[in-house]
PDB file of N, CA and C in Angstrom:
ATOM      1  N   UNK A   1     -17.229  -2.146 -22.786  1.00  0.00           N
ATOM      2  CA  UNK A   1     -16.700  -1.361 -21.690  1.00  0.00           C
ATOM      3  C   UNK A   1     -15.675  -2.192 -20.917  1.00  0.00           C
ATOM      4  N   UNK A   2     -14.538  -1.615 -20.598  1.00  0.00           N
ATOM      5  CA  UNK A   2     -13.472  -2.303 -19.881  1.00  0.00           C
ATOM      6  C   UNK A   2     -13.766  -2.378 -18.397  1.00  0.00           C
ATOM      7  N   UNK A   3     -13.254  -3.436 -17.773  1.00  0.00           N
ATOM      8  CA  UNK A   3     -13.417  -3.615 -16.340  1.00  0.00           C
ATOM      9  C   UNK A   3     -12.225  -3.004 -15.612  1.00  0.00           C
ATOM     10  N   UNK A   4     -12.509  -2.284 -14.544  1.00  0.00           N
ATOM     11  CA  UNK A   4     -11.468  -1.723 -13.690  1.00  0.00           C
ATOM     12  C   UNK A   4     -11.533  -2.467 -12.364  1.00  0.00           C
ATOM     13  N   UNK A   5     -10.367  -2.883 -11.869  1.00  0.00           N
ATOM     14  CA  UNK A   5     -10.296  -3.608 -10.599  1.00  0.00           C
ATOM     15  C   UNK A   5      -9.476  -2.798  -9.600  1.00  0.00           C
ATOM     16  N   UNK A   6      -9.972  -2.704  -8.393  1.00  0.00           N
ATOM     17  CA  UNK A   6      -9.253  -2.041  -7.307  1.00  0.00           C
ATOM     18  C   UNK A   6      -8.801  -3.095  -6.317  1.00  0.00           C
ATOM     19  N   UNK A   7      -7.508  -3.102  -6.008  1.00  0.00           N
ATOM     20  CA  UNK A   7      -6.954  -4.002  -4.997  1.00  0.00           C
ATOM     21  C   UNK A   7      -6.417  -3.130  -3.870  1.00  0.00           C
ATOM     22  N   UNK A   8      -7.106  -3.142  -2.746  1.00  0.00           N
ATOM     23  CA  UNK A   8      -6.682  -2.344  -1.604  1.00  0.00           C
ATOM     24  C   UNK A   8      -5.585  -3.093  -0.860  1.00  0.00           C
ATOM     25  N   UNK A   9      -4.380  -2.527  -0.863  1.00  0.00           N
ATOM     26  CA  UNK A   9      -3.244  -3.151  -0.189  1.00  0.00           C
ATOM     27  C   UNK A   9      -3.254  -2.833   1.296  1.00  0.00           C
ATOM     28  N   UNK A  10      -3.767  -1.686   1.652  1.00  0.00           N
ATOM     29  CA  UNK A  10      -3.868  -1.265   3.043  1.00  0.00           C
ATOM     30  C   UNK A  10      -5.061  -0.358   3.202  1.00  0.00           C
ATOM     31  N   UNK A  11      -5.735  -0.477   4.339  1.00  0.00           N
ATOM     32  CA  UNK A  11      -6.939   0.336   4.564  1.00  0.00           C
ATOM     33  C   UNK A  11      -6.949   0.961   5.957  1.00  0.00           C
ATOM     34  N   UNK A  12      -5.791   1.002   6.588  1.00  0.00           N
ATOM     35  CA  UNK A  12      -5.703   1.585   7.936  1.00  0.00           C
ATOM     36  C   UNK A  12      -5.566   3.088   7.885  1.00  0.00           C
ATOM     37  N   UNK A  13      -5.294   3.664   9.020  1.00  0.00           N
ATOM     38  CA  UNK A  13      -5.070   5.108   9.114  1.00  0.00           C
ATOM     39  C   UNK A  13      -3.670   5.430   8.600  1.00  0.00           C
ATOM     40  N   UNK A  14      -3.309   6.695   8.597  1.00  0.00           N
ATOM     41  CA  UNK A  14      -1.974   7.080   8.137  1.00  0.00           C
ATOM     42  C   UNK A  14      -0.873   6.556   9.056  1.00  0.00           C
ATOM     43  N   UNK A  15      -1.231   6.106  10.244  1.00  0.00           N
ATOM     44  CA  UNK A  15      -0.261   5.518  11.173  1.00  0.00           C
ATOM     45  C   UNK A  15      -0.357   3.998  11.210  1.00  0.00           C
ATOM     46  N   UNK A  16      -1.331   3.429  10.508  1.00  0.00           N
ATOM     47  CA  UNK A  16      -1.563   1.992  10.583  1.00  0.00           C
ATOM     48  C   UNK A  16      -2.332   1.648  11.845  1.00  0.00           C
ATOM     49  N   UNK A  17      -2.828   0.425  11.887  1.00  0.00           N
ATOM     50  CA  UNK A  17      -3.584  -0.027  13.058  1.00  0.00           C
ATOM     51  C   UNK A  17      -3.088  -1.426  13.416  1.00  0.00           C
ATOM     52  N   UNK A  18      -2.691  -1.682  14.636  1.00  0.00           N
ATOM     53  CA  UNK A  18      -2.754  -0.828  15.813  1.00  0.00           C
ATOM     54  C   UNK A  18      -1.676   0.263  15.782  1.00  0.00           C
ATOM     55  N   UNK A  19      -1.966   1.352  16.458  1.00  0.00           N
ATOM     56  CA  UNK A  19      -1.028   2.464  16.550  1.00  0.00           C
ATOM     57  C   UNK A  19      -0.133   2.272  17.772  1.00  0.00           C
ATOM     58  N   UNK A  20       1.106   2.654  17.649  1.00  0.00           N
ATOM     59  CA  UNK A  20       2.048   2.563  18.761  1.00  0.00           C
ATOM     60  C   UNK A  20       1.549   3.413  19.920  1.00  0.00           C
ATOM     61  N   UNK A  21       1.520   2.834  21.102  1.00  0.00           N
ATOM     62  CA  UNK A  21       1.142   3.561  22.299  1.00  0.00           C
ATOM     63  C   UNK A  21      -0.349   3.713  22.526  1.00  0.00           C
ATOM     64  N   UNK A  22      -1.177   3.225  21.601  1.00  0.00           N
ATOM     65  CA  UNK A  22      -2.626   3.333  21.763  1.00  0.00           C
ATOM     66  C   UNK A  22      -3.153   2.042  22.377  1.00  0.00           C
ATOM     67  N   UNK A  23      -4.027   2.177  23.341  1.00  0.00           N
ATOM     68  CA  UNK A  23      -4.579   1.008  24.022  1.00  0.00           C
ATOM     69  C   UNK A  23      -6.102   0.986  23.931  1.00  0.00           C
ATOM     70  N   UNK A  24      -6.648   1.617  22.893  1.00  0.00           N
ATOM     71  CA  UNK A  24      -8.094   1.631  22.710  1.00  0.00           C
ATOM     72  C   UNK A  24      -8.581   0.228  22.348  1.00  0.00           C
ATOM     73  N   UNK A  25      -9.877   0.047  22.272  1.00  0.00           N
ATOM     74  CA  UNK A  25     -10.471  -1.259  21.992  1.00  0.00           C
ATOM     75  C   UNK A  25      -9.997  -1.833  20.652  1.00  0.00           C
ATOM     76  N   UNK A  26      -9.922  -0.999  19.617  1.00  0.00           N
ATOM     77  CA  UNK A  26      -9.503  -1.468  18.293  1.00  0.00           C
ATOM     78  C   UNK A  26      -8.020  -1.833  18.291  1.00  0.00           C
ATOM     79  N   UNK A  27      -7.174  -0.962  18.808  1.00  0.00           N
ATOM     80  CA  UNK A  27      -5.730  -1.213  18.806  1.00  0.00           C
ATOM     81  C   UNK A  27      -5.342  -2.389  19.708  1.00  0.00           C
ATOM     82  N   UNK A  28      -6.165  -2.707  20.684  1.00  0.00           N
ATOM     83  CA  UNK A  28      -5.892  -3.823  21.588  1.00  0.00           C
ATOM     84  C   UNK A  28      -6.562  -5.121  21.134  1.00  0.00           C
ATOM     85  N   UNK A  29      -7.332  -5.049  20.072  1.00  0.00           N
ATOM     86  CA  UNK A  29      -8.127  -6.187  19.604  1.00  0.00           C
ATOM     87  C   UNK A  29      -7.254  -7.313  19.046  1.00  0.00           C
ATOM     88  N   UNK A  30      -7.686  -8.543  19.262  1.00  0.00           N
ATOM     89  CA  UNK A  30      -7.018  -9.715  18.683  1.00  0.00           C
ATOM     90  C   UNK A  30      -7.602 -10.053  17.307  1.00  0.00           C
ATOM     91  N   UNK A  31      -8.673  -9.375  16.918  1.00  0.00           N
ATOM     92  CA  UNK A  31      -9.323  -9.610  15.625  1.00  0.00           C
ATOM     93  C   UNK A  31      -8.392  -9.167  14.498  1.00  0.00           C
ATOM     94  N   UNK A  32      -8.062 -10.074  13.561  1.00  0.00           N
ATOM     95  CA  UNK A  32      -7.159  -9.700  12.460  1.00  0.00           C
ATOM     96  C   UNK A  32      -7.692  -8.557  11.598  1.00  0.00           C
ATOM     97  N   UNK A  33      -8.994  -8.335  11.591  1.00  0.00           N
ATOM     98  CA  UNK A  33      -9.560  -7.217  10.832  1.00  0.00           C
ATOM     99  C   UNK A  33      -9.182  -5.864  11.444  1.00  0.00           C
ATOM    100  N   UNK A  34      -8.738  -5.882  12.674  1.00  0.00           N
ATOM    101  CA  UNK A  34      -8.314  -4.652  13.346  1.00  0.00           C
ATOM    102  C   UNK A  34      -6.807  -4.414  13.227  1.00  0.00           C
ATOM    103  N   UNK A  35      -6.127  -5.180  12.401  1.00  0.00           N
ATOM    104  CA  UNK A  35      -4.694  -5.010  12.138  1.00  0.00           C
ATOM    105  C   UNK A  35      -4.567  -4.662  10.657  1.00  0.00           C
ATOM    106  N   UNK A  36      -4.427  -3.359  10.378  1.00  0.00           N
ATOM    107  CA  UNK A  36      -4.411  -2.909   8.994  1.00  0.00           C
ATOM    108  C   UNK A  36      -3.213  -2.004   8.730  1.00  0.00           C
ATOM    109  N   UNK A  37      -2.656  -2.151   7.540  1.00  0.00           N
ATOM    110  CA  UNK A  37      -1.525  -1.312   7.140  1.00  0.00           C
ATOM    111  C   UNK A  37      -2.051  -0.001   6.546  1.00  0.00           C
ATOM    112  N   UNK A  38      -1.123   0.912   6.330  1.00  0.00           N
ATOM    113  CA  UNK A  38      -1.478   2.232   5.801  1.00  0.00           C
ATOM    114  C   UNK A  38      -2.048   2.124   4.386  1.00  0.00           C
ATOM    115  N   UNK A  39      -2.855   3.118   3.978  1.00  0.00           N
ATOM    116  CA  UNK A  39      -3.585   3.022   2.719  1.00  0.00           C
ATOM    117  C   UNK A  39      -2.711   3.030   1.473  1.00  0.00           C
ATOM    118  N   UNK A  40      -3.054   2.115   0.572  1.00  0.00           N
ATOM    119  CA  UNK A  40      -2.425   2.002  -0.733  1.00  0.00           C
ATOM    120  C   UNK A  40      -3.363   1.174  -1.599  1.00  0.00           C
ATOM    121  N   UNK A  41      -3.347   1.398  -2.903  1.00  0.00           N
ATOM    122  CA  UNK A  41      -4.250   0.672  -3.795  1.00  0.00           C
ATOM    123  C   UNK A  41      -3.573   0.429  -5.141  1.00  0.00           C
ATOM    124  N   UNK A  42      -3.911  -0.701  -5.764  1.00  0.00           N
ATOM    125  CA  UNK A  42      -3.489  -0.980  -7.141  1.00  0.00           C
ATOM    126  C   UNK A  42      -4.744  -0.917  -7.999  1.00  0.00           C
ATOM    127  N   UNK A  43      -4.705  -0.084  -9.036  1.00  0.00           N
ATOM    128  CA  UNK A  43      -5.816   0.030  -9.983  1.00  0.00           C
ATOM    129  C   UNK A  43      -5.407  -0.735 -11.235  1.00  0.00           C
ATOM    130  N   UNK A  44      -6.204  -1.738 -11.591  1.00  0.00           N
ATOM    131  CA  UNK A  44      -5.908  -2.554 -12.775  1.00  0.00           C
ATOM    132  C   UNK A  44      -7.007  -2.382 -13.813  1.00  0.00           C
ATOM    133  N   UNK A  45      -6.583  -2.244 -15.044  1.00  0.00           N
ATOM    134  CA  UNK A  45      -7.509  -2.231 -16.171  1.00  0.00           C
ATOM    135  C   UNK A  45      -6.756  -2.872 -17.318  1.00  0.00           C
ATOM    136  N   UNK A  46      -7.410  -3.316 -18.383  1.00  0.00           N
ATOM    137  CA  UNK A  46      -6.736  -4.070 -19.432  1.00  0.00           C
ATOM    138  C   UNK A  46      -5.414  -3.430 -19.879  1.00  0.00           C
ATOM    139  N   UNK A  47      -4.321  -4.171 -19.647  1.00  0.00           N
ATOM    140  CA  UNK A  47      -3.000  -3.731 -20.082  1.00  0.00           C
ATOM    141  C   UNK A  47      -2.224  -2.880 -19.096  1.00  0.00           C
ATOM    142  N   UNK A  48      -2.800  -2.512 -17.965  1.00  0.00           N
ATOM    143  CA  UNK A  48      -2.090  -1.648 -17.029  1.00  0.00           C
ATOM    144  C   UNK A  48      -2.463  -1.924 -15.577  1.00  0.00           C
ATOM    145  N   UNK A  49      -1.446  -1.771 -14.718  1.00  0.00           N
ATOM    146  CA  UNK A  49      -1.640  -1.812 -13.268  1.00  0.00           C
ATOM    147  C   UNK A  49      -0.942  -0.593 -12.689  1.00  0.00           C
ATOM    148  N   UNK A  50      -1.685   0.245 -11.980  1.00  0.00           N
ATOM    149  CA  UNK A  50      -1.149   1.487 -11.424  1.00  0.00           C
ATOM    150  C   UNK A  50      -1.165   1.390  -9.899  1.00  0.00           C
ATOM    151  N   UNK A  51      -0.014   1.621  -9.285  1.00  0.00           N
ATOM    152  CA  UNK A  51       0.096   1.648  -7.834  1.00  0.00           C
ATOM    153  C   UNK A  51      -0.105   3.079  -7.366  1.00  0.00           C
ATOM    154  N   UNK A  52      -1.072   3.279  -6.475  1.00  0.00           N
ATOM    155  CA  UNK A  52      -1.363   4.609  -5.950  1.00  0.00           C
ATOM    156  C   UNK A  52      -0.942   4.654  -4.489  1.00  0.00           C
ATOM    157  N   UNK A  53      -0.075   5.572  -4.195  1.00  0.00           N
ATOM    158  CA  UNK A  53       0.480   5.795  -2.864  1.00  0.00           C
ATOM    159  C   UNK A  53       1.437   4.661  -2.502  1.00  0.00           C
ATOM    160  N   UNK A  54       2.454   5.016  -1.799  1.00  0.00           N
ATOM    161  CA  UNK A  54       3.437   4.035  -1.332  1.00  0.00           C
ATOM    162  C   UNK A  54       3.591   4.221   0.164  1.00  0.00           C
ATOM    163  N   UNK A  55       3.611   3.126   0.861  1.00  0.00           N
ATOM    164  CA  UNK A  55       3.687   3.176   2.312  1.00  0.00           C
ATOM    165  C   UNK A  55       4.972   2.508   2.768  1.00  0.00           C
ATOM    166  N   UNK A  56       5.351   2.695   4.019  1.00  0.00           N
ATOM    167  CA  UNK A  56       6.523   1.985   4.534  1.00  0.00           C
ATOM    168  C   UNK A  56       6.332   0.465   4.491  1.00  0.00           C
ATOM    169  N   UNK A  57       5.077   0.010   4.425  1.00  0.00           N
ATOM    170  CA  UNK A  57       4.798  -1.426   4.366  1.00  0.00           C
ATOM    171  C   UNK A  57       4.665  -1.934   2.938  1.00  0.00           C
ATOM    172  N   UNK A  58       5.109  -1.186   1.948  1.00  0.00           N
ATOM    173  CA  UNK A  58       4.915  -1.551   0.542  1.00  0.00           C
ATOM    174  C   UNK A  58       5.356  -2.977   0.237  1.00  0.00           C
ATOM    175  N   UNK A  59       6.525  -3.363   0.695  1.00  0.00           N
ATOM    176  CA  UNK A  59       7.021  -4.723   0.425  1.00  0.00           C
ATOM    177  C   UNK A  59       6.062  -5.763   0.990  1.00  0.00           C
ATOM    178  N   UNK A  60       5.675  -5.593   2.250  1.00  0.00           N
ATOM    179  CA  UNK A  60       4.766  -6.550   2.888  1.00  0.00           C
ATOM    180  C   UNK A  60       3.417  -6.585   2.186  1.00  0.00           C
ATOM    181  N   UNK A  61       2.916  -5.420   1.787  1.00  0.00           N
ATOM    182  CA  UNK A  61       1.627  -5.350   1.103  1.00  0.00           C
ATOM    183  C   UNK A  61       1.674  -6.066  -0.250  1.00  0.00           C
ATOM    184  N   UNK A  62       2.741  -5.847  -1.010  1.00  0.00           N
ATOM    185  CA  UNK A  62       2.859  -6.486  -2.324  1.00  0.00           C
ATOM    186  C   UNK A  62       3.000  -7.998  -2.202  1.00  0.00           C
ATOM    187  N   UNK A  63       3.833  -8.449  -1.284  1.00  0.00           N
ATOM    188  CA  UNK A  63       4.016  -9.892  -1.082  1.00  0.00           C
ATOM    189  C   UNK A  63       2.701 -10.538  -0.646  1.00  0.00           C
ATOM    190  N   UNK A  64       2.014  -9.943   0.314  1.00  0.00           N
ATOM    191  CA  UNK A  64       0.769 -10.507   0.844  1.00  0.00           C
ATOM    192  C   UNK A  64      -0.339 -10.576  -0.201  1.00  0.00           C
ATOM    193  N   UNK A  65      -0.295  -9.670  -1.184  1.00  0.00           N
ATOM    194  CA  UNK A  65      -1.359  -9.610  -2.189  1.00  0.00           C
ATOM    195  C   UNK A  65      -0.933 -10.085  -3.569  1.00  0.00           C
ATOM    196  N   UNK A  66       0.268 -10.661  -3.678  1.00  0.00           N
ATOM    197  CA  UNK A  66       0.724 -11.196  -4.960  1.00  0.00           C
ATOM    198  C   UNK A  66       0.977 -10.152  -6.030  1.00  0.00           C
ATOM    199  N   UNK A  67       1.322  -8.945  -5.631  1.00  0.00           N
ATOM    200  CA  UNK A  67       1.625  -7.886  -6.600  1.00  0.00           C
ATOM    201  C   UNK A  67       3.108  -7.972  -6.927  1.00  0.00           C
ATOM    202  N   UNK A  68       3.423  -8.414  -8.136  1.00  0.00           N
ATOM    203  CA  UNK A  68       4.829  -8.533  -8.523  1.00  0.00           C
ATOM    204  C   UNK A  68       5.166  -7.716  -9.763  1.00  0.00           C
ATOM    205  N   UNK A  69       4.194  -6.976 -10.262  1.00  0.00           N
ATOM    206  CA  UNK A  69       4.433  -6.146 -11.440  1.00  0.00           C
ATOM    207  C   UNK A  69       3.444  -4.985 -11.448  1.00  0.00           C
ATOM    208  N   UNK A  70       3.955  -3.784 -11.693  1.00  0.00           N
ATOM    209  CA  UNK A  70       3.095  -2.625 -11.914  1.00  0.00           C
ATOM    210  C   UNK A  70       3.600  -1.910 -13.155  1.00  0.00           C
ATOM    211  N   UNK A  71       2.727  -1.172 -13.798  1.00  0.00           N
ATOM    212  CA  UNK A  71       3.091  -0.448 -15.013  1.00  0.00           C
ATOM    213  C   UNK A  71       3.310   1.039 -14.773  1.00  0.00           C
ATOM    214  N   UNK A  72       2.718   1.548 -13.720  1.00  0.00           N
ATOM    215  CA  UNK A  72       2.842   2.979 -13.427  1.00  0.00           C
ATOM    216  C   UNK A  72       2.699   3.205 -11.932  1.00  0.00           C
ATOM    217  N   UNK A  73       3.178   4.353 -11.496  1.00  0.00           N
ATOM    218  CA  UNK A  73       3.167   4.697 -10.081  1.00  0.00           C
ATOM    219  C   UNK A  73       2.636   6.100  -9.894  1.00  0.00           C
ATOM    220  N   UNK A  74       1.680   6.239  -9.024  1.00  0.00           N
ATOM    221  CA  UNK A  74       1.218   7.553  -8.560  1.00  0.00           C
ATOM    222  C   UNK A  74       1.790   7.665  -7.162  1.00  0.00           C
ATOM    223  N   UNK A  75       2.927   8.388  -6.976  1.00  0.00           N
ATOM    224  CA  UNK A  75       3.700   8.324  -5.735  1.00  0.00           C
ATOM    225  C   UNK A  75       2.968   8.615  -4.455  1.00  0.00           C
ATOM    226  N   UNK A  76       1.982   9.429  -4.445  1.00  0.00           N
ATOM    227  CA  UNK A  76       1.307   9.687  -3.186  1.00  0.00           C
ATOM    228  C   UNK A  76       0.190  10.677  -3.346  1.00  0.00           C
ATOM    229  N   UNK A  77      -0.733  10.596  -2.437  1.00  0.00           N
ATOM    230  CA  UNK A  77      -1.851  11.520  -2.463  1.00  0.00           C
ATOM    231  C   UNK A  77      -1.661  12.629  -1.445  1.00  0.00           C
ATOM    232  N   UNK A  78      -0.580  12.525  -0.654  1.00  0.00           N
ATOM    233  CA  UNK A  78      -0.302  13.523   0.385  1.00  0.00           C
ATOM    234  C   UNK A  78       1.191  13.831   0.406  1.00  0.00           C
ATOM    235  N   UNK A  79       1.557  14.971   0.881  1.00  0.00           N
ATOM    236  CA  UNK A  79       2.981  15.309   1.008  1.00  0.00           C
ATOM    237  C   UNK A  79       3.694  14.331   1.926  1.00  0.00           C
ATOM    238  N   UNK A  80       2.979  13.759   2.888  1.00  0.00           N
ATOM    239  CA  UNK A  80       3.554  12.765   3.796  1.00  0.00           C
ATOM    240  C   UNK A  80       4.220  11.644   3.003  1.00  0.00           C
ATOM    241  N   UNK A  81       3.609  11.229   1.913  1.00  0.00           N
ATOM    242  CA  UNK A  81       4.152  10.128   1.132  1.00  0.00           C
ATOM    243  C   UNK A  81       5.534  10.461   0.590  1.00  0.00           C
ATOM    244  N   UNK A  82       5.727  11.689   0.178  1.00  0.00           N
ATOM    245  CA  UNK A  82       7.017  12.070  -0.376  1.00  0.00           C
ATOM    246  C   UNK A  82       8.082  12.145   0.719  1.00  0.00           C
ATOM    247  N   UNK A  83       7.695  12.528   1.935  1.00  0.00           N
ATOM    248  CA  UNK A  83       8.659  12.606   3.034  1.00  0.00           C
ATOM    249  C   UNK A  83       9.134  11.222   3.455  1.00  0.00           C
ATOM    250  N   UNK A  84       8.236  10.240   3.430  1.00  0.00           N
ATOM    251  CA  UNK A  84       8.608   8.914   3.915  1.00  0.00           C
ATOM    252  C   UNK A  84       9.151   8.017   2.813  1.00  0.00           C
ATOM    253  N   UNK A  85       9.146   8.505   1.583  1.00  0.00           N
ATOM    254  CA  UNK A  85       9.638   7.724   0.453  1.00  0.00           C
ATOM    255  C   UNK A  85      11.134   7.486   0.655  1.00  0.00           C
ATOM    256  N   UNK A  86      11.507   6.281   0.977  1.00  0.00           N
ATOM    257  CA  UNK A  86      12.903   5.960   1.295  1.00  0.00           C
ATOM    258  C   UNK A  86      13.529   5.171   0.147  1.00  0.00           C
ATOM    259  N   UNK A  87      14.837   5.044   0.181  1.00  0.00           N
ATOM    260  CA  UNK A  87      15.569   4.337  -0.871  1.00  0.00           C
ATOM    261  C   UNK A  87      15.081   2.901  -1.025  1.00  0.00           C
ATOM    262  N   UNK A  88      14.764   2.235   0.078  1.00  0.00           N
ATOM    263  CA  UNK A  88      14.306   0.851  -0.020  1.00  0.00           C
ATOM    264  C   UNK A  88      13.010   0.738  -0.808  1.00  0.00           C
ATOM    265  N   UNK A  89      12.038   1.611  -0.531  1.00  0.00           N
ATOM    266  CA  UNK A  89      10.783   1.571  -1.268  1.00  0.00           C
ATOM    267  C   UNK A  89      11.019   1.932  -2.726  1.00  0.00           C
ATOM    268  N   UNK A  90      11.913   2.882  -2.962  1.00  0.00           N
ATOM    269  CA  UNK A  90      12.192   3.290  -4.333  1.00  0.00           C
ATOM    270  C   UNK A  90      12.785   2.131  -5.123  1.00  0.00           C
ATOM    271  N   UNK A  91      13.726   1.393  -4.535  1.00  0.00           N
ATOM    272  CA  UNK A  91      14.331   0.271  -5.254  1.00  0.00           C
ATOM    273  C   UNK A  91      13.325  -0.853  -5.455  1.00  0.00           C
ATOM    274  N   UNK A  92      12.423  -1.075  -4.492  1.00  0.00           N
ATOM    275  CA  UNK A  92      11.376  -2.082  -4.657  1.00  0.00           C
ATOM    276  C   UNK A  92      10.466  -1.705  -5.812  1.00  0.00           C
ATOM    277  N   UNK A  93      10.080  -0.441  -5.880  1.00  0.00           N
ATOM    278  CA  UNK A  93       9.211   0.012  -6.960  1.00  0.00           C
ATOM    279  C   UNK A  93       9.926  -0.101  -8.295  1.00  0.00           C
ATOM    280  N   UNK A  94      11.221   0.201  -8.342  1.00  0.00           N
ATOM    281  CA  UNK A  94      11.982   0.041  -9.585  1.00  0.00           C
ATOM    282  C   UNK A  94      11.917  -1.401 -10.063  1.00  0.00           C
ATOM    283  N   UNK A  95      12.044  -2.364  -9.163  1.00  0.00           N
ATOM    284  CA  UNK A  95      11.962  -3.773  -9.538  1.00  0.00           C
ATOM    285  C   UNK A  95      10.589  -4.108 -10.100  1.00  0.00           C
ATOM    286  N   UNK A  96       9.540  -3.589  -9.479  1.00  0.00           N
ATOM    287  CA  UNK A  96       8.180  -3.858  -9.954  1.00  0.00           C
ATOM    288  C   UNK A  96       7.971  -3.285 -11.350  1.00  0.00           C
ATOM    289  N   UNK A  97       8.556  -2.125 -11.632  1.00  0.00           N
ATOM    290  CA  UNK A  97       8.367  -1.464 -12.912  1.00  0.00           C
ATOM    291  C   UNK A  97       9.232  -2.031 -14.032  1.00  0.00           C
ATOM    292  N   UNK A  98      10.369  -2.635 -13.712  1.00  0.00           N
ATOM    293  CA  UNK A  98      11.335  -3.042 -14.728  1.00  0.00           C
ATOM    294  C   UNK A  98      10.996  -4.337 -15.453  1.00  0.00           C
ATOM    295  N   UNK A  99      10.171  -5.175 -14.891  1.00  0.00           N
ATOM    296  CA  UNK A  99       9.889  -6.486 -15.515  1.00  0.00           C
ATOM    297  C   UNK A  99       9.199  -6.359 -16.831  1.00  0.00           C
TER     298      UNK A  99
END
């Protein structure tokens, strides 16, 4: 049986944490665990790495987690992902896929 690995690049809300203008206990916290980017995940199994969802922080998430190559892309799990998909993220993903 093959092993599947999940690498969570971001685990925050759809707005990220802390949220702009929010002064709640979590958003005001100095704890690094309370500073999370928007949700995205890389699913790895023998011979393939699939990026699921793309966020505005995609570049930062990939650099921070050592993701420099993906084999496939699942563009988003929500229509929001397609609206925010910008040229910069598209060109970054092209680089990840072309190697």
